[in-house]
Amino acid sequence: QASATTAKRAYHRWAKNDTLEDYSLRY
């Protein structure tokens, strides 16, 4: 019933750095 926008989500560089982030919210 709802639809999303086409804009892509961009994460802060700290959140995108695997060494810093350590997949803190993920598998």
PDB file of all heavy atoms in Angstrom:
ATOM      1  N   GLN A   1       0.820  -1.204   0.000  1.00  0.00           N
ATOM      2  CA  GLN A   1       0.000   0.000   0.000  1.00  0.00           C
ATOM      3  C   GLN A   1       0.860   1.263   0.000  1.00  0.00           C
ATOM      4  O   GLN A   1       0.451   2.302  -0.452  1.00  0.00           O
ATOM      5  CB  GLN A   1      -0.917  -0.001   1.230  1.00  0.00           C
ATOM      6  CG  GLN A   1      -1.927  -1.140   1.207  1.00  0.00           C
ATOM      7  CD  GLN A   1      -2.769  -1.163   2.458  1.00  0.00           C
ATOM      8  OE1 GLN A   1      -2.454  -0.496   3.428  1.00  0.00           O
ATOM      9  NE2 GLN A   1      -3.846  -1.915   2.435  1.00  0.00           N
ATOM     10  N   ALA A   2       2.038   1.183   0.542  1.00  0.00           N
ATOM     11  CA  ALA A   2       2.935   2.326   0.586  1.00  0.00           C
ATOM     12  C   ALA A   2       4.141   2.043  -0.285  1.00  0.00           C
ATOM     13  O   ALA A   2       4.451   0.899  -0.579  1.00  0.00           O
ATOM     14  CB  ALA A   2       3.372   2.601   2.019  1.00  0.00           C
ATOM     15  N   SER A   3       4.830   3.057  -0.692  1.00  0.00           N
ATOM     16  CA  SER A   3       6.030   2.873  -1.504  1.00  0.00           C
ATOM     17  C   SER A   3       7.132   3.765  -0.988  1.00  0.00           C
ATOM     18  O   SER A   3       6.892   4.821  -0.409  1.00  0.00           O
ATOM     19  CB  SER A   3       5.744   3.184  -2.976  1.00  0.00           C
ATOM     20  OG  SER A   3       5.333   4.525  -3.107  1.00  0.00           O
ATOM     21  N   ALA A   4       8.366   3.361  -1.232  1.00  0.00           N
ATOM     22  CA  ALA A   4       9.511   4.097  -0.725  1.00  0.00           C
ATOM     23  C   ALA A   4      10.042   5.051  -1.772  1.00  0.00           C
ATOM     24  O   ALA A   4       9.729   4.942  -2.949  1.00  0.00           O
ATOM     25  CB  ALA A   4      10.608   3.115  -0.318  1.00  0.00           C
ATOM     26  N   THR A   5      10.852   5.983  -1.321  1.00  0.00           N
ATOM     27  CA  THR A   5      11.523   6.868  -2.256  1.00  0.00           C
ATOM     28  C   THR A   5      12.685   6.119  -2.902  1.00  0.00           C
ATOM     29  O   THR A   5      13.116   5.077  -2.419  1.00  0.00           O
ATOM     30  CB  THR A   5      12.069   8.111  -1.520  1.00  0.00           C
ATOM     31  OG1 THR A   5      13.057   7.687  -0.580  1.00  0.00           O
ATOM     32  CG2 THR A   5      10.941   8.843  -0.803  1.00  0.00           C
ATOM     33  N   THR A   6      13.214   6.661  -3.981  1.00  0.00           N
ATOM     34  CA  THR A   6      14.305   5.991  -4.683  1.00  0.00           C
ATOM     35  C   THR A   6      15.675   6.401  -4.151  1.00  0.00           C
ATOM     36  O   THR A   6      16.689   5.875  -4.580  1.00  0.00           O
ATOM     37  CB  THR A   6      14.238   6.318  -6.184  1.00  0.00           C
ATOM     38  OG1 THR A   6      14.296   7.750  -6.343  1.00  0.00           O
ATOM     39  CG2 THR A   6      12.966   5.779  -6.797  1.00  0.00           C
ATOM     40  N   ALA A   7      15.723   7.349  -3.217  1.00  0.00           N
ATOM     41  CA  ALA A   7      17.004   7.806  -2.672  1.00  0.00           C
ATOM     42  C   ALA A   7      17.668   6.691  -1.871  1.00  0.00           C
ATOM     43  O   ALA A   7      17.007   5.974  -1.120  1.00  0.00           O
ATOM     44  CB  ALA A   7      16.792   9.031  -1.789  1.00  0.00           C
ATOM     45  N   LYS A   8      18.977   6.553  -2.044  1.00  0.00           N
ATOM     46  CA  LYS A   8      19.727   5.539  -1.322  1.00  0.00           C
ATOM     47  C   LYS A   8      20.185   6.081   0.035  1.00  0.00           C
ATOM     48  O   LYS A   8      20.511   7.260   0.178  1.00  0.00           O
ATOM     49  CB  LYS A   8      20.955   5.109  -2.137  1.00  0.00           C
ATOM     50  CG  LYS A   8      20.624   4.504  -3.491  1.00  0.00           C
ATOM     51  CD  LYS A   8      19.840   3.219  -3.356  1.00  0.00           C
ATOM     52  CE  LYS A   8      19.566   2.593  -4.724  1.00  0.00           C
ATOM     53  NZ  LYS A   8      18.724   1.380  -4.613  1.00  0.00           N
ATOM     54  N   ARG A   9      20.185   5.189   1.040  1.00  0.00           N
ATOM     55  CA  ARG A   9      20.644   5.602   2.356  1.00  0.00           C
ATOM     56  C   ARG A   9      22.164   5.643   2.363  1.00  0.00           C
ATOM     57  O   ARG A   9      22.834   4.701   1.926  1.00  0.00           O
ATOM     58  CB  ARG A   9      20.137   4.645   3.425  1.00  0.00           C
ATOM     59  CG  ARG A   9      20.683   4.966   4.820  1.00  0.00           C
ATOM     60  CD  ARG A   9      20.120   4.066   5.892  1.00  0.00           C
ATOM     61  NE  ARG A   9      18.766   4.502   6.257  1.00  0.00           N
ATOM     62  CZ  ARG A   9      17.688   3.755   6.099  1.00  0.00           C
ATOM     63  NH1 ARG A   9      17.798   2.558   5.572  1.00  0.00           N
ATOM     64  NH2 ARG A   9      16.515   4.197   6.454  1.00  0.00           N
ATOM     65  N   ALA A  10      22.731   6.710   2.893  1.00  0.00           N
ATOM     66  CA  ALA A  10      24.178   6.845   3.011  1.00  0.00           C
ATOM     67  C   ALA A  10      24.543   6.891   4.492  1.00  0.00           C
ATOM     68  O   ALA A  10      24.066   7.760   5.228  1.00  0.00           O
ATOM     69  CB  ALA A  10      24.664   8.113   2.306  1.00  0.00           C
ATOM     70  N   TYR A  11      25.387   5.971   4.926  1.00  0.00           N
ATOM     71  CA  TYR A  11      25.791   5.918   6.328  1.00  0.00           C
ATOM     72  C   TYR A  11      27.011   6.799   6.572  1.00  0.00           C
ATOM     73  O   TYR A  11      27.817   7.061   5.671  1.00  0.00           O
ATOM     74  CB  TYR A  11      26.117   4.476   6.739  1.00  0.00           C
ATOM     75  CG  TYR A  11      24.914   3.578   6.816  1.00  0.00           C
ATOM     76  CD1 TYR A  11      24.673   2.620   5.834  1.00  0.00           C
ATOM     77  CD2 TYR A  11      24.011   3.697   7.858  1.00  0.00           C
ATOM     78  CE1 TYR A  11      23.556   1.798   5.896  1.00  0.00           C
ATOM     79  CE2 TYR A  11      22.893   2.876   7.934  1.00  0.00           C
ATOM     80  CZ  TYR A  11      22.677   1.933   6.957  1.00  0.00           C
ATOM     81  OH  TYR A  11      21.573   1.128   7.018  1.00  0.00           O
ATOM     82  N   HIS A  12      27.132   7.254   7.811  1.00  0.00           N
ATOM     83  CA  HIS A  12      28.324   7.987   8.223  1.00  0.00           C
ATOM     84  C   HIS A  12      29.547   7.104   7.991  1.00  0.00           C
ATOM     85  O   HIS A  12      29.474   5.875   8.094  1.00  0.00           O
ATOM     86  CB  HIS A  12      28.203   8.365   9.708  1.00  0.00           C
ATOM     87  CG  HIS A  12      29.277   9.269  10.206  1.00  0.00           C
ATOM     88  ND1 HIS A  12      30.523   8.813  10.579  1.00  0.00           N
ATOM     89  CD2 HIS A  12      29.305  10.619  10.399  1.00  0.00           C
ATOM     90  CE1 HIS A  12      31.254   9.830  10.985  1.00  0.00           C
ATOM     91  NE2 HIS A  12      30.541  10.948  10.896  1.00  0.00           N
ATOM     92  N   ARG A  13      30.677   7.713   7.737  1.00  0.00           N
ATOM     93  CA  ARG A  13      31.882   6.937   7.418  1.00  0.00           C
ATOM     94  C   ARG A  13      32.282   6.010   8.567  1.00  0.00           C
ATOM     95  O   ARG A  13      32.873   4.957   8.340  1.00  0.00           O
ATOM     96  CB  ARG A  13      33.040   7.855   7.056  1.00  0.00           C
ATOM     97  CG  ARG A  13      33.427   8.858   8.125  1.00  0.00           C
ATOM     98  CD  ARG A  13      34.459   9.868   7.595  1.00  0.00           C
ATOM     99  NE  ARG A  13      34.784  10.876   8.582  1.00  0.00           N
ATOM    100  CZ  ARG A  13      35.735  10.729   9.507  1.00  0.00           C
ATOM    101  NH1 ARG A  13      36.441   9.623   9.561  1.00  0.00           N
ATOM    102  NH2 ARG A  13      35.972  11.695  10.377  1.00  0.00           N
ATOM    103  N   TRP A  14      31.976   6.385   9.820  1.00  0.00           N
ATOM    104  CA  TRP A  14      32.264   5.479  10.930  1.00  0.00           C
ATOM    105  C   TRP A  14      31.407   4.215  10.847  1.00  0.00           C
ATOM    106  O   TRP A  14      31.870   3.119  11.144  1.00  0.00           O
ATOM    107  CB  TRP A  14      32.013   6.173  12.267  1.00  0.00           C
ATOM    108  CG  TRP A  14      33.043   7.202  12.622  1.00  0.00           C
ATOM    109  CD1 TRP A  14      34.243   7.401  11.994  1.00  0.00           C
ATOM    110  CD2 TRP A  14      32.967   8.161  13.674  1.00  0.00           C
ATOM    111  NE1 TRP A  14      34.924   8.427  12.593  1.00  0.00           N
ATOM    112  CE2 TRP A  14      34.170   8.925  13.629  1.00  0.00           C
ATOM    113  CE3 TRP A  14      32.018   8.462  14.633  1.00  0.00           C
ATOM    114  CZ2 TRP A  14      34.431   9.953  14.530  1.00  0.00           C
ATOM    115  CZ3 TRP A  14      32.277   9.494  15.537  1.00  0.00           C
ATOM    116  CH2 TRP A  14      33.468  10.229  15.486  1.00  0.00           C
ATOM    117  N   ALA A  15      30.153   4.380  10.457  1.00  0.00           N
ATOM    118  CA  ALA A  15      29.249   3.237  10.376  1.00  0.00           C
ATOM    119  C   ALA A  15      29.576   2.346   9.183  1.00  0.00           C
ATOM    120  O   ALA A  15      29.254   1.159   9.185  1.00  0.00           O
ATOM    121  CB  ALA A  15      27.805   3.716  10.291  1.00  0.00           C
ATOM    122  N   LYS A  16      30.218   2.901   8.145  1.00  0.00           N
ATOM    123  CA  LYS A  16      30.537   2.124   6.953  1.00  0.00           C
ATOM    124  C   LYS A  16      31.887   1.418   7.064  1.00  0.00           C
ATOM    125  O   LYS A  16      32.196   0.539   6.263  1.00  0.00           O
ATOM    126  CB  LYS A  16      30.553   3.033   5.706  1.00  0.00           C
ATOM    127  CG  LYS A  16      29.178   3.448   5.224  1.00  0.00           C
ATOM    128  CD  LYS A  16      29.250   4.311   3.995  1.00  0.00           C
ATOM    129  CE  LYS A  16      29.762   3.506   2.790  1.00  0.00           C
ATOM    130  NZ  LYS A  16      28.807   2.485   2.357  1.00  0.00           N
ATOM    131  N   ASN A  17      32.695   1.798   8.055  1.00  0.00           N
ATOM    132  CA  ASN A  17      34.016   1.211   8.226  1.00  0.00           C
ATOM    133  C   ASN A  17      33.895  -0.083   9.032  1.00  0.00           C
ATOM    134  O   ASN A  17      33.612  -0.059  10.229  1.00  0.00           O
ATOM    135  CB  ASN A  17      34.933   2.204   8.949  1.00  0.00           C
ATOM    136  CG  ASN A  17      36.380   1.740   8.998  1.00  0.00           C
ATOM    137  OD1 ASN A  17      36.664   0.559   9.187  1.00  0.00           O
ATOM    138  ND2 ASN A  17      37.298   2.683   8.826  1.00  0.00           N
ATOM    139  N   ASP A  18      34.113  -1.226   8.390  1.00  0.00           N
ATOM    140  CA  ASP A  18      33.927  -2.518   9.065  1.00  0.00           C
ATOM    141  C   ASP A  18      34.866  -2.684  10.247  1.00  0.00           C
ATOM    142  O   ASP A  18      34.517  -3.318  11.254  1.00  0.00           O
ATOM    143  CB  ASP A  18      34.151  -3.665   8.068  1.00  0.00           C
ATOM    144  CG  ASP A  18      33.076  -3.720   6.998  1.00  0.00           C
ATOM    145  OD1 ASP A  18      32.008  -3.115   7.213  1.00  0.00           O
ATOM    146  OD2 ASP A  18      33.307  -4.354   5.954  1.00  0.00           O
ATOM    147  N   THR A  19      36.078  -2.119  10.158  1.00  0.00           N
ATOM    148  CA  THR A  19      37.045  -2.245  11.249  1.00  0.00           C
ATOM    149  C   THR A  19      36.572  -1.501  12.493  1.00  0.00           C
ATOM    150  O   THR A  19      36.769  -1.957  13.624  1.00  0.00           O
ATOM    151  CB  THR A  19      38.417  -1.697  10.809  1.00  0.00           C
ATOM    152  OG1 THR A  19      38.870  -2.432   9.664  1.00  0.00           O
ATOM    153  CG2 THR A  19      39.440  -1.839  11.916  1.00  0.00           C
ATOM    154  N   LEU A  20      35.924  -0.351  12.286  1.00  0.00           N
ATOM    155  CA  LEU A  20      35.405   0.414  13.423  1.00  0.00           C
ATOM    156  C   LEU A  20      34.050  -0.112  13.886  1.00  0.00           C
ATOM    157  O   LEU A  20      33.760  -0.166  15.073  1.00  0.00           O
ATOM    158  CB  LEU A  20      35.267   1.893  13.043  1.00  0.00           C
ATOM    159  CG  LEU A  20      36.526   2.649  12.593  1.00  0.00           C
ATOM    160  CD1 LEU A  20      36.183   4.106  12.326  1.00  0.00           C
ATOM    161  CD2 LEU A  20      37.630   2.554  13.630  1.00  0.00           C
ATOM    162  N   GLU A  21      33.220  -0.490  12.943  1.00  0.00           N
ATOM    163  CA  GLU A  21      31.832  -0.833  13.239  1.00  0.00           C
ATOM    164  C   GLU A  21      31.666  -2.235  13.789  1.00  0.00           C
ATOM    165  O   GLU A  21      30.805  -2.514  14.617  1.00  0.00           O
ATOM    166  CB  GLU A  21      30.984  -0.653  11.972  1.00  0.00           C
ATOM    167  CG  GLU A  21      29.503  -0.821  12.165  1.00  0.00           C
ATOM    168  CD  GLU A  21      28.888   0.223  13.088  1.00  0.00           C
ATOM    169  OE1 GLU A  21      29.586   1.175  13.495  1.00  0.00           O
ATOM    170  OE2 GLU A  21      27.705   0.084  13.408  1.00  0.00           O
ATOM    171  N   ASP A  22      32.497  -3.181  13.317  1.00  0.00           N
ATOM    172  CA  ASP A  22      32.452  -4.571  13.805  1.00  0.00           C
ATOM    173  C   ASP A  22      31.066  -5.205  13.666  1.00  0.00           C
ATOM    174  O   ASP A  22      30.674  -6.030  14.502  1.00  0.00           O
ATOM    175  CB  ASP A  22      32.902  -4.646  15.263  1.00  0.00           C
ATOM    176  CG  ASP A  22      34.370  -5.051  15.409  1.00  0.00           C
ATOM    177  OD1 ASP A  22      35.042  -5.236  14.377  1.00  0.00           O
ATOM    178  OD2 ASP A  22      34.837  -5.195  16.542  1.00  0.00           O
ATOM    179  N   TYR A  23      30.308  -4.802  12.656  1.00  0.00           N
ATOM    180  CA  TYR A  23      28.970  -5.362  12.430  1.00  0.00           C
ATOM    181  C   TYR A  23      28.161  -5.331  13.729  1.00  0.00           C
ATOM    182  O   TYR A  23      27.581  -6.328  14.164  1.00  0.00           O
ATOM    183  CB  TYR A  23      29.078  -6.778  11.872  1.00  0.00           C
ATOM    184  CG  TYR A  23      29.708  -6.798  10.501  1.00  0.00           C
ATOM    185  CD1 TYR A  23      31.083  -6.900  10.340  1.00  0.00           C
ATOM    186  CD2 TYR A  23      28.922  -6.665   9.354  1.00  0.00           C
ATOM    187  CE1 TYR A  23      31.660  -6.882   9.073  1.00  0.00           C
ATOM    188  CE2 TYR A  23      29.500  -6.642   8.084  1.00  0.00           C
ATOM    189  CZ  TYR A  23      30.868  -6.760   7.952  1.00  0.00           C
ATOM    190  OH  TYR A  23      31.422  -6.726   6.703  1.00  0.00           O
ATOM    191  N   SER A  24      28.130  -4.140  14.346  1.00  0.00           N
ATOM    192  CA  SER A  24      27.558  -4.003  15.690  1.00  0.00           C
ATOM    193  C   SER A  24      26.068  -4.292  15.742  1.00  0.00           C
ATOM    194  O   SER A  24      25.543  -4.642  16.800  1.00  0.00           O
ATOM    195  CB  SER A  24      27.819  -2.592  16.220  1.00  0.00           C
ATOM    196  OG  SER A  24      27.229  -1.614  15.385  1.00  0.00           O
ATOM    197  N   LEU A  25      25.333  -4.145  14.631  1.00  0.00           N
ATOM    198  CA  LEU A  25      23.889  -4.374  14.641  1.00  0.00           C
ATOM    199  C   LEU A  25      23.488  -5.509  13.717  1.00  0.00           C
ATOM    200  O   LEU A  25      22.313  -5.647  13.391  1.00  0.00           O
ATOM    201  CB  LEU A  25      23.158  -3.092  14.205  1.00  0.00           C
ATOM    202  CG  LEU A  25      23.403  -1.855  15.067  1.00  0.00           C
ATOM    203  CD1 LEU A  25      22.734  -0.636  14.459  1.00  0.00           C
ATOM    204  CD2 LEU A  25      22.906  -2.083  16.468  1.00  0.00           C
ATOM    205  N   ARG A  26      24.441  -6.306  13.319  1.00  0.00           N
ATOM    206  CA  ARG A  26      24.182  -7.288  12.269  1.00  0.00           C
ATOM    207  C   ARG A  26      24.710  -8.670  12.632  1.00  0.00           C
ATOM    208  O   ARG A  26      25.469  -8.842  13.584  1.00  0.00           O
ATOM    209  CB  ARG A  26      24.876  -6.872  10.968  1.00  0.00           C
ATOM    210  CG  ARG A  26      24.582  -5.496  10.433  1.00  0.00           C
ATOM    211  CD  ARG A  26      25.374  -5.300   9.152  1.00  0.00           C
ATOM    212  NE  ARG A  26      25.272  -3.961   8.586  1.00  0.00           N
ATOM    213  CZ  ARG A  26      24.326  -3.583   7.752  1.00  0.00           C
ATOM    214  NH1 ARG A  26      23.393  -4.430   7.403  1.00  0.00           N
ATOM    215  NH2 ARG A  26      24.327  -2.355   7.257  1.00  0.00           N
ATOM    216  N   TYR A  27      24.314  -9.603  11.815  1.00  0.00           N
ATOM    217  CA  TYR A  27      24.971 -10.902  11.724  1.00  0.00           C
ATOM    218  C   TYR A  27      26.429 -10.674  11.322  1.00  0.00           C
ATOM    219  O   TYR A  27      26.721  -9.864  10.446  1.00  0.00           O
ATOM    220  CB  TYR A  27      24.223 -11.730  10.675  1.00  0.00           C
ATOM    221  CG  TYR A  27      25.006 -12.842  10.021  1.00  0.00           C
ATOM    222  CD1 TYR A  27      25.136 -14.086  10.627  1.00  0.00           C
ATOM    223  CD2 TYR A  27      25.582 -12.654   8.758  1.00  0.00           C
ATOM    224  CE1 TYR A  27      25.836 -15.111   9.997  1.00  0.00           C
ATOM    225  CE2 TYR A  27      26.272 -13.663   8.124  1.00  0.00           C
ATOM    226  CZ  TYR A  27      26.402 -14.889   8.750  1.00  0.00           C
ATOM    227  OH  TYR A  27      27.089 -15.892   8.127  1.00  0.00           O
TER     228      TYR A  27
END
